[in-house]
């Protein structure tokens, strides 16, 4: 397998902060008061905060909200994809997508319709809820004829999709890859996390002594990777699976640390080369305790770090790709995203340095960490070319 550098030719995103890179950056780096969060109701009557994309996503008949958001994000890289297809040919253009939800929102609504009316609604297909539905949607948009597949490893899905795209290029199986992830809000997801008692009463509060859980969001982030030089690189990746528990992280953080150190080694860096760490930062009691310990062991307490989940919500299968996009925005704009929280430090957590408002970006490589149910861990290294 070739060790050729992997470059990021283009990327597009949408999340609760905005519908494109400029609007997202305006909010991500702003010192202005945070936007109010949208609300959603659970079946037990509780109202919870959610990170809702500021878009009127109206799926076409037979399509899903997830694919509508994917299509919106694809529009931001469509020109670059068309150029890659012209240069390399459709058969050398691959797609790897990460998602947890796919069309489960539509499947739930269809099941209710069938319960009430005795038949499935017009336009509904079981294929809409398959986890590869988004990958095939992207392939249709891109007219891609190379490898097409999906990764669904809960909250590491899209981070792993980027790593998989890099491996496809290094293996010579394609010349360009569309990769990333998209997940959208659905009642099943919200109520599932509600049942796990993992949801915050409001905006999540990572690394705080007062943290009380996550709030869920929706997002999409797509990238075009090639071996042709561009401004930014996917410099490295690391993955592990410790299988400690179905939903709780291993308190020791052994698997998470393995993924971080593997990503650094894959990129040819040491911890001191890194200028910023994007935390997974879910604001749950167990995740933050584990992550603070691991970040302190690997990077110490001098490198700035932050979680952006108070701004976006936890976007599940899209989270890793969204964090990677935020790292690129930081490198482009010369500023770090600040860590939004109430400032009440949990003295039981290992000390790490949390990024402040208006903190400049050093331009050094960045690490983005993602952890998931089942002990699934992934880390990406993003860098200037």
Protein backbone atom coordinates (compact mmCIF):
# COMPACT_ATOMS: atom_id res chain seq x y z
CA UNK A 1 0.00 0.00 0.00
CA UNK A 2 1.33 3.44 -0.96
CA UNK A 3 2.08 6.01 1.75
CA UNK A 4 1.20 8.85 -0.64
CA UNK A 5 -0.19 11.93 1.15
CA UNK A 6 -3.97 12.30 1.16
CA UNK A 7 -5.22 15.78 0.31
CA UNK A 8 -8.59 17.42 0.94
CA UNK A 9 -9.64 19.09 -2.29
CA UNK A 10 -13.03 20.36 -1.12
CA UNK A 11 -15.49 20.07 1.74
CA UNK A 12 -19.04 21.11 2.51
CA UNK A 13 -21.06 21.14 5.71
CA UNK A 14 -24.26 22.14 7.45
CA UNK A 15 -25.22 21.96 11.12
CA UNK A 16 -27.10 23.94 13.74
CA UNK A 17 -24.57 26.77 13.29
CA UNK A 18 -25.35 27.32 9.63
CA UNK A 19 -25.94 25.94 6.16
CA UNK A 20 -22.44 26.44 4.69
CA UNK A 21 -18.85 27.02 5.74
CA UNK A 22 -19.09 30.82 5.95
CA UNK A 23 -22.22 30.90 8.08
CA UNK A 24 -20.87 28.10 10.29
CA UNK A 25 -17.55 29.91 10.76
CA UNK A 26 -19.32 33.14 11.70
CA UNK A 27 -20.96 31.35 14.62
CA UNK A 28 -18.15 28.93 15.47
CA UNK A 29 -15.58 31.65 16.14
CA UNK A 30 -17.97 34.35 17.32
CA UNK A 31 -17.85 35.77 20.81
CA UNK A 32 -21.52 36.70 20.50
CA UNK A 33 -24.14 35.06 22.75
CA UNK A 34 -25.04 31.54 21.68
CA UNK A 35 -28.13 31.06 19.57
CA UNK A 36 -31.12 29.61 21.44
CA UNK A 37 -31.52 25.89 20.86
CA UNK A 38 -34.55 24.30 19.25
CA UNK A 39 -36.75 22.04 21.35
CA UNK A 40 -38.22 18.58 20.81
CA UNK A 41 -40.68 16.54 22.86
CA UNK A 42 -40.10 13.00 24.06
CA UNK A 43 -42.80 10.39 24.44
CA UNK A 44 -42.57 10.69 28.23
CA UNK A 45 -43.56 14.36 27.99
CA UNK A 46 -40.13 15.88 28.54
CA UNK A 47 -38.94 18.72 26.32
CA UNK A 48 -35.26 18.58 25.36
CA UNK A 49 -32.82 20.78 23.49
CA UNK A 50 -31.78 19.76 19.95
CA UNK A 51 -29.35 21.13 17.38
CA UNK A 52 -31.57 21.72 14.33
CA UNK A 53 -30.07 22.70 10.97
CA UNK A 54 -31.35 26.10 9.76
CA UNK A 55 -32.69 24.68 6.51
CA UNK A 56 -36.10 23.85 5.14
CA UNK A 57 -35.30 20.24 4.29
CA UNK A 58 -38.20 18.90 2.27
CA UNK A 59 -37.30 15.45 0.93
CA UNK A 60 -38.49 14.53 -2.55
CA UNK A 61 -41.00 11.64 -2.73
CA UNK A 62 -39.21 8.42 -1.88
CA UNK A 63 -36.27 10.28 -0.30
CA UNK A 64 -35.28 10.89 3.32
CA UNK A 65 -34.45 13.95 5.39
CA UNK A 66 -30.96 12.53 5.79
CA UNK A 67 -30.47 12.38 2.04
CA UNK A 68 -31.95 15.86 1.63
CA UNK A 69 -29.26 17.18 3.98
CA UNK A 70 -26.62 15.10 2.19
CA UNK A 71 -27.74 16.61 -1.14
CA UNK A 72 -27.44 20.11 0.32
CA UNK A 73 -23.88 19.44 1.53
CA UNK A 74 -22.97 17.77 -1.75
CA UNK A 75 -23.89 20.97 -3.58
CA UNK A 76 -20.94 22.66 -1.88
CA UNK A 77 -18.43 20.20 -3.38
CA UNK A 78 -20.24 19.38 -6.63
CA UNK A 79 -17.94 21.45 -8.84
CA UNK A 80 -14.81 19.86 -7.38
CA UNK A 81 -16.32 16.39 -7.76
CA UNK A 82 -17.20 17.06 -11.39
CA UNK A 83 -13.60 18.09 -12.03
CA UNK A 84 -12.26 14.93 -10.37
CA UNK A 85 -14.67 12.75 -12.37
CA UNK A 86 -13.51 14.44 -15.59
CA UNK A 87 -9.84 13.92 -14.71
CA UNK A 88 -10.01 10.36 -13.42
CA UNK A 89 -13.19 8.83 -14.82
CA UNK A 90 -16.35 7.81 -12.95
CA UNK A 91 -14.98 4.31 -12.29
CA UNK A 92 -12.10 5.83 -10.28
CA UNK A 93 -14.43 7.90 -8.07
CA UNK A 94 -15.44 6.19 -4.79
CA UNK A 95 -17.92 6.98 -2.01
CA UNK A 96 -17.69 6.10 1.70
CA UNK A 97 -20.37 7.50 3.99
CA UNK A 98 -20.97 7.24 7.73
CA UNK A 99 -24.44 7.34 9.30
CA UNK A 100 -26.41 6.02 12.27
CA UNK A 101 -29.92 7.09 11.33
CA UNK A 102 -30.27 6.90 7.55
CA UNK A 103 -34.06 6.83 6.95
CA UNK A 104 -35.18 5.70 10.41
CA UNK A 105 -37.27 8.87 10.79
CA UNK A 106 -39.25 7.98 7.67
CA UNK A 107 -39.45 4.33 8.69
CA UNK A 108 -40.99 5.28 12.01
CA UNK A 109 -43.55 7.54 10.35
CA UNK A 110 -44.35 4.80 7.82
CA UNK A 111 -44.91 2.27 10.59
CA UNK A 112 -47.34 4.62 12.31
CA UNK A 113 -49.15 5.13 9.00
CA UNK A 114 -49.42 1.39 8.48
CA UNK A 115 -50.76 0.95 12.01
CA UNK A 116 -53.44 3.57 11.38
CA UNK A 117 -54.31 2.80 7.74
CA UNK A 118 -53.39 -0.84 7.23
CA UNK A 119 -50.85 -0.25 4.46
CA UNK A 120 -47.54 1.46 3.87
CA UNK A 121 -47.63 5.11 2.70
CA UNK A 122 -47.12 5.97 -0.95
CA UNK A 123 -43.45 6.21 -1.87
CA UNK A 124 -42.10 4.38 1.18
CA UNK A 125 -39.45 1.74 0.57
CA UNK A 126 -37.59 -0.42 3.07
CA UNK A 127 -34.40 0.62 1.27
CA UNK A 128 -34.82 4.09 2.77
CA UNK A 129 -33.77 2.82 6.19
CA UNK A 130 -30.78 0.80 5.00
CA UNK A 131 -27.54 2.21 6.31
CA UNK A 132 -25.99 2.38 2.85
CA UNK A 133 -28.83 4.52 1.48
CA UNK A 134 -26.83 7.72 1.94
CA UNK A 135 -23.76 6.28 0.23
CA UNK A 136 -25.81 5.36 -2.82
CA UNK A 137 -27.48 8.78 -2.80
CA UNK A 138 -24.04 10.42 -2.93
CA UNK A 139 -22.95 8.02 -5.66
CA UNK A 140 -25.97 8.97 -7.77
CA UNK A 141 -25.30 12.67 -7.28
CA UNK A 142 -21.63 12.25 -8.18
CA UNK A 143 -22.19 9.70 -10.97
CA UNK A 144 -19.56 7.63 -9.17
CA UNK A 145 -18.79 4.13 -10.46
CA UNK A 146 -16.00 3.17 -8.07
CA UNK A 147 -16.38 1.45 -4.68
CA UNK A 148 -19.48 2.60 -2.78
CA UNK A 149 -20.18 1.63 0.82
CA UNK A 150 -21.28 2.87 4.22
CA UNK A 151 -19.83 2.63 7.71
CA UNK A 152 -22.08 2.59 10.77
CA UNK A 153 -20.12 2.42 14.01
CA UNK A 154 -22.32 4.81 15.98
CA UNK A 155 -20.57 8.09 16.79
CA UNK A 156 -17.28 7.21 15.04
CA UNK A 157 -19.01 6.42 11.72
CA UNK A 158 -17.92 9.44 9.70
CA UNK A 159 -14.45 9.65 11.25
CA UNK A 160 -13.96 6.07 10.10
CA UNK A 161 -15.39 6.97 6.69
CA UNK A 162 -12.60 9.52 6.22
CA UNK A 163 -10.00 6.98 7.33
CA UNK A 164 -11.48 4.43 4.93
CA UNK A 165 -11.33 6.97 2.10
CA UNK A 166 -7.67 7.55 2.81
CA UNK A 167 -6.98 3.81 2.72
CA UNK A 168 -8.80 3.41 -0.61
CA UNK A 169 -6.55 6.05 -2.14
CA UNK A 170 -3.38 4.60 -0.65
CA UNK A 171 -4.36 1.15 -1.88
CA UNK A 172 -4.76 2.51 -5.41
CA UNK A 173 -8.41 1.39 -5.61
CA UNK A 174 -9.54 4.85 -6.71
CA UNK A 175 -8.20 8.32 -7.46
CA UNK A 176 -10.83 10.39 -5.64
CA UNK A 177 -13.18 9.65 -2.75
CA UNK A 178 -16.29 11.42 -1.50
CA UNK A 179 -16.48 10.68 2.20
CA UNK A 180 -18.00 12.03 5.38
CA UNK A 181 -21.25 11.58 7.20
CA UNK A 182 -24.82 12.76 7.62
CA UNK A 183 -27.33 12.15 10.40
CA UNK A 184 -30.63 13.88 11.08
CA UNK A 185 -32.95 14.17 14.04
CA UNK A 186 -35.46 11.40 14.57
CA UNK A 187 -37.89 10.52 17.37
CA UNK A 188 -36.35 7.07 17.77
CA UNK A 189 -32.89 8.51 18.40
CA UNK A 190 -34.09 11.15 20.82
CA UNK A 191 -36.26 8.77 22.81
CA UNK A 192 -33.52 6.13 22.81
CA UNK A 193 -31.04 8.50 24.43
CA UNK A 194 -33.81 9.67 26.74
CA UNK A 195 -34.33 6.08 27.88
CA UNK A 196 -30.60 5.79 28.53
CA UNK A 197 -30.92 8.89 30.75
CA UNK A 198 -28.12 10.50 28.75
CA UNK A 199 -29.88 13.72 27.69
CA UNK A 200 -29.10 17.09 29.21
CA UNK A 201 -31.90 19.25 30.52
CA UNK A 202 -30.66 21.99 28.18
CA UNK A 203 -27.47 22.86 26.34
CA UNK A 204 -24.75 20.34 27.10
CA UNK A 205 -21.88 21.48 29.34
CA UNK A 206 -18.73 19.45 28.59
CA UNK A 207 -15.95 19.16 31.16
CA UNK A 208 -18.00 21.03 33.76
CA UNK A 209 -18.69 19.82 37.29
CA UNK A 210 -22.33 20.56 36.39
CA UNK A 211 -22.48 18.48 33.21
CA UNK A 212 -25.64 16.40 32.98
CA UNK A 213 -25.54 14.74 29.55
CA UNK A 214 -25.67 15.39 25.84
CA UNK A 215 -28.13 17.13 23.61
CA UNK A 216 -28.69 15.64 20.16
CA UNK A 217 -28.13 17.48 16.89
CA UNK A 218 -28.12 16.88 13.16
CA UNK A 219 -25.44 17.68 10.60
CA UNK A 220 -23.70 16.72 7.41
CA UNK A 221 -20.08 17.11 6.35
CA UNK A 222 -18.69 15.81 3.05
CA UNK A 223 -15.10 15.81 1.78
CA UNK A 224 -13.42 15.14 -1.55
CA UNK A 225 -10.09 13.37 -0.99
CA UNK A 226 -7.45 12.85 -3.68
CA UNK A 227 -3.70 12.30 -3.95
CA UNK A 228 -3.32 15.62 -5.80
CA UNK A 229 -1.74 18.45 -3.76
CA UNK A 230 -4.19 20.87 -2.17
CA UNK A 231 -4.23 23.27 0.78
CA UNK A 232 -5.02 20.67 3.46
CA UNK A 233 -4.20 17.06 4.21
CA UNK A 234 -5.85 14.20 5.98
CA UNK A 235 -2.47 13.55 7.54
CA UNK A 236 -3.30 10.46 9.55
CA UNK A 237 -5.88 8.33 11.31
CA UNK A 238 -6.06 5.79 14.09
CA UNK A 239 -8.80 3.34 15.08
CA UNK A 240 -9.44 0.81 17.82
CA UNK A 241 -12.26 -1.23 19.31
CA UNK A 242 -11.99 -2.20 22.96
CA UNK A 243 -15.53 -3.67 23.30
CA UNK A 244 -15.56 -2.64 26.95
CA UNK A 245 -19.32 -2.06 27.24
CA UNK A 246 -22.36 -1.63 25.03
CA UNK A 247 -22.69 2.08 25.84
CA UNK A 248 -20.21 3.13 28.56
CA UNK A 249 -16.58 4.00 27.75
CA UNK A 250 -13.71 2.07 29.29
CA UNK A 251 -12.78 4.24 32.30
CA UNK A 252 -9.09 3.56 31.69
CA UNK A 253 -9.35 5.00 28.18
CA UNK A 254 -6.94 2.35 26.87
CA UNK A 255 -8.72 1.97 23.53
CA UNK A 256 -9.16 5.71 23.10
CA UNK A 257 -5.48 6.28 23.80
CA UNK A 258 -4.55 3.56 21.33
CA UNK A 259 -6.52 5.33 18.58
CA UNK A 260 -4.93 8.71 19.34
CA UNK A 261 -1.40 7.35 19.39
CA UNK A 262 -2.04 5.33 16.22
CA UNK A 263 -3.26 8.49 14.45
CA UNK A 264 -0.12 10.38 15.47
CA UNK A 265 2.10 7.52 14.31
CA UNK A 266 0.20 7.20 11.04
CA UNK A 267 0.73 10.92 10.41
CA UNK A 268 4.40 10.76 11.37
CA UNK A 269 3.90 13.22 14.24
CA UNK A 270 4.51 13.27 17.97
CA UNK A 271 2.20 14.89 20.52
CA UNK A 272 4.27 18.08 20.59
CA UNK A 273 3.62 18.65 16.89
CA UNK A 274 -0.12 19.11 17.53
CA UNK A 275 -1.62 22.56 17.99
CA UNK A 276 -5.22 21.72 18.91
CA UNK A 277 -7.34 18.77 20.00
CA UNK A 278 -11.01 18.64 19.08
CA UNK A 279 -12.55 16.65 21.91
CA UNK A 280 -15.41 14.23 21.50
CA UNK A 281 -16.73 16.06 24.56
CA UNK A 282 -20.24 14.71 25.04
CA UNK A 283 -20.74 16.22 28.53
CA UNK A 284 -21.73 12.87 30.01
CA UNK A 285 -20.16 11.99 33.34
CA UNK A 286 -18.28 8.93 32.08
CA UNK A 287 -17.13 10.15 28.66
CA UNK A 288 -15.65 13.41 29.89
CA UNK A 289 -13.82 11.69 32.75
CA UNK A 290 -12.30 9.14 30.38
CA UNK A 291 -11.44 11.68 27.70
CA UNK A 292 -9.81 14.21 30.02
CA UNK A 293 -7.59 11.45 31.39
CA UNK A 294 -6.57 10.25 27.92
CA UNK A 295 -5.91 13.75 26.54
CA UNK A 296 -3.78 14.58 29.56
CA UNK A 297 -1.75 11.38 29.17
CA UNK A 298 -1.15 11.89 25.46
CA UNK A 299 -0.93 15.68 25.13
CA UNK A 300 -0.45 17.05 28.63
CA UNK A 301 -2.11 20.27 29.77
CA UNK A 302 -0.59 22.83 27.39
CA UNK A 303 -2.29 22.08 24.06
CA UNK A 304 -5.67 23.84 23.67
CA UNK A 305 -8.70 21.59 23.33
CA UNK A 306 -12.44 22.07 23.04
CA UNK A 307 -15.77 20.39 22.45
CA UNK A 308 -18.16 22.06 20.00
CA UNK A 309 -21.17 19.96 20.99
CA UNK A 310 -22.74 22.80 23.02
CA UNK A 311 -23.02 24.61 19.67
CA UNK A 312 -24.19 21.79 17.43
CA UNK A 313 -25.50 19.05 19.66
CA UNK A 314 -24.11 15.55 19.37
CA UNK A 315 -24.57 14.79 15.69
CA UNK A 316 -23.93 11.05 16.14
CA UNK A 317 -22.72 9.43 12.92
CA UNK A 318 -21.88 12.85 11.43
CA UNK A 319 -19.89 14.05 14.46
CA UNK A 320 -16.42 12.92 13.36
CA UNK A 321 -16.70 14.47 9.91
CA UNK A 322 -18.18 17.68 11.34
CA UNK A 323 -15.29 17.99 13.80
CA UNK A 324 -12.82 17.48 10.95
CA UNK A 325 -14.52 20.29 9.02
CA UNK A 326 -14.27 22.54 12.09
CA UNK A 327 -10.54 21.84 12.25
CA UNK A 328 -10.18 22.89 8.60
CA UNK A 329 -12.17 26.07 9.28
CA UNK A 330 -9.84 26.83 12.19
CA UNK A 331 -6.77 26.36 10.00
CA UNK A 332 -8.33 28.53 7.28
CA UNK A 333 -9.53 31.33 9.56
CA UNK A 334 -6.57 31.37 11.94
CA UNK A 335 -8.73 31.04 15.06
CA UNK A 336 -9.62 28.20 17.40
CA UNK A 337 -13.21 27.37 18.28
CA UNK A 338 -13.66 28.25 21.96
CA UNK A 339 -14.84 25.73 24.51
CA UNK A 340 -18.34 26.80 25.57
CA UNK A 341 -19.27 25.80 29.11
CA UNK A 342 -20.22 27.35 32.45
CA UNK A 343 -16.59 27.58 33.57
CA UNK A 344 -17.08 25.39 36.63
CA UNK A 345 -14.17 23.01 36.42
CA UNK A 346 -14.57 19.46 37.71
CA UNK A 347 -11.56 18.97 39.96
CA UNK A 348 -11.99 15.19 39.66
CA UNK A 349 -11.06 15.38 35.97
CA UNK A 350 -7.49 15.29 34.72
CA UNK A 351 -6.38 18.86 33.93
CA UNK A 352 -6.50 19.81 30.25
CA UNK A 353 -6.34 23.28 28.70
CA UNK A 354 -9.65 24.41 27.24
CA UNK A 355 -9.57 26.84 24.31
CA UNK A 356 -10.63 30.42 25.06
CA UNK A 357 -12.60 32.92 23.01
CA UNK A 358 -10.58 34.69 20.29
CA UNK A 359 -7.67 32.30 20.73
CA UNK A 360 -5.44 32.32 17.64
CA UNK A 361 -4.69 29.15 15.73
CA UNK A 362 -1.00 28.28 15.61
CA UNK A 363 -1.37 26.63 12.20
CA UNK A 364 0.05 23.39 13.58
CA UNK A 365 -1.67 20.05 12.83
CA UNK A 366 -4.89 19.25 14.67
CA UNK A 367 -6.35 16.07 16.12
CA UNK A 368 -10.06 15.24 16.15
CA UNK A 369 -11.19 12.47 18.51
CA UNK A 370 -14.37 10.39 18.29
CA UNK A 371 -15.65 7.66 20.62
CA UNK A 372 -18.71 5.47 20.24
CA UNK A 373 -20.92 2.81 21.76
CA UNK A 374 -19.36 -0.62 21.90
CA UNK A 375 -15.89 0.73 22.68
CA UNK A 376 -15.34 2.05 19.16
CA UNK A 377 -12.62 4.72 18.95
CA UNK A 378 -11.25 6.84 16.09
CA UNK A 379 -8.94 9.81 15.69
CA UNK A 380 -8.04 11.95 12.68
CA UNK A 381 -5.11 14.28 12.09
CA UNK A 382 -5.76 17.32 9.88
CA UNK A 383 -2.90 19.50 8.66
CA UNK A 384 -1.87 22.16 6.21
CA UNK A 385 -0.27 20.77 3.08
